Amino acid sequence: MNSQLATFWNLSADQIFVQLQSTPQGLSSEEAKQRLSKYGANSLKQKQQSHTLTLLLNQFNSPIILILILAAILSIFLQDAIDAVIILIIVFASGFLGFWQERGAADAVQKLLELVEIKASILRDGKAQDVPVDEVMPGDIVLLSAGNSIPGDCLVLESQTLSVDEAK
């Protein structure tokens, strides 16, 4: 897009429509498909999922676990192998249990996120349509009502008692 769009809030609606090659009736479905292929999805970069080995090693990174490992090493140094083995068994059992629970929780969250699809109401081809938020393109006319999330940077064309909560 144009560098002048970085300050779109200073422009009139007509100037924005010209720059975005849009109309008050919104984009056509064909134009939206072209923009989707040109600009990509309207989504934030997904957080990298933790690598399995990193997740496992992080289980042994707490201060109490490090103290227990030092106690096991000290037990070995003092020739008390039985205490060292018991401490290490407890440390490793705790670490693997924590890893198993954290991995399961991460997988469950990922599956839940795949089920949820947030939609936005927009004008396409002059008609109101609900589309996935990641398919909202520059030039789309977004229709908002109470409780809606704003799917990106927008210029308010008209409103009635507009109130926005930016805390989320």
Foldseek 3Di string as FASTA:
>chain_A
DDPVCVPVQVDDPVVLCVVLVADPLFEAPVVLVVQCVVVNFLDDDDDDDDDLVVLLVVLCVDPVNVVLQVVLVVCVVVVNNVSSVVSVVVSNVSSVVSSVVVVVVVVVVVVVVVVDFDWFWWRYPSDTDTDGLRSDGRRIGTDDDPPDDDSDDDHDPDDDPDDDDPPD
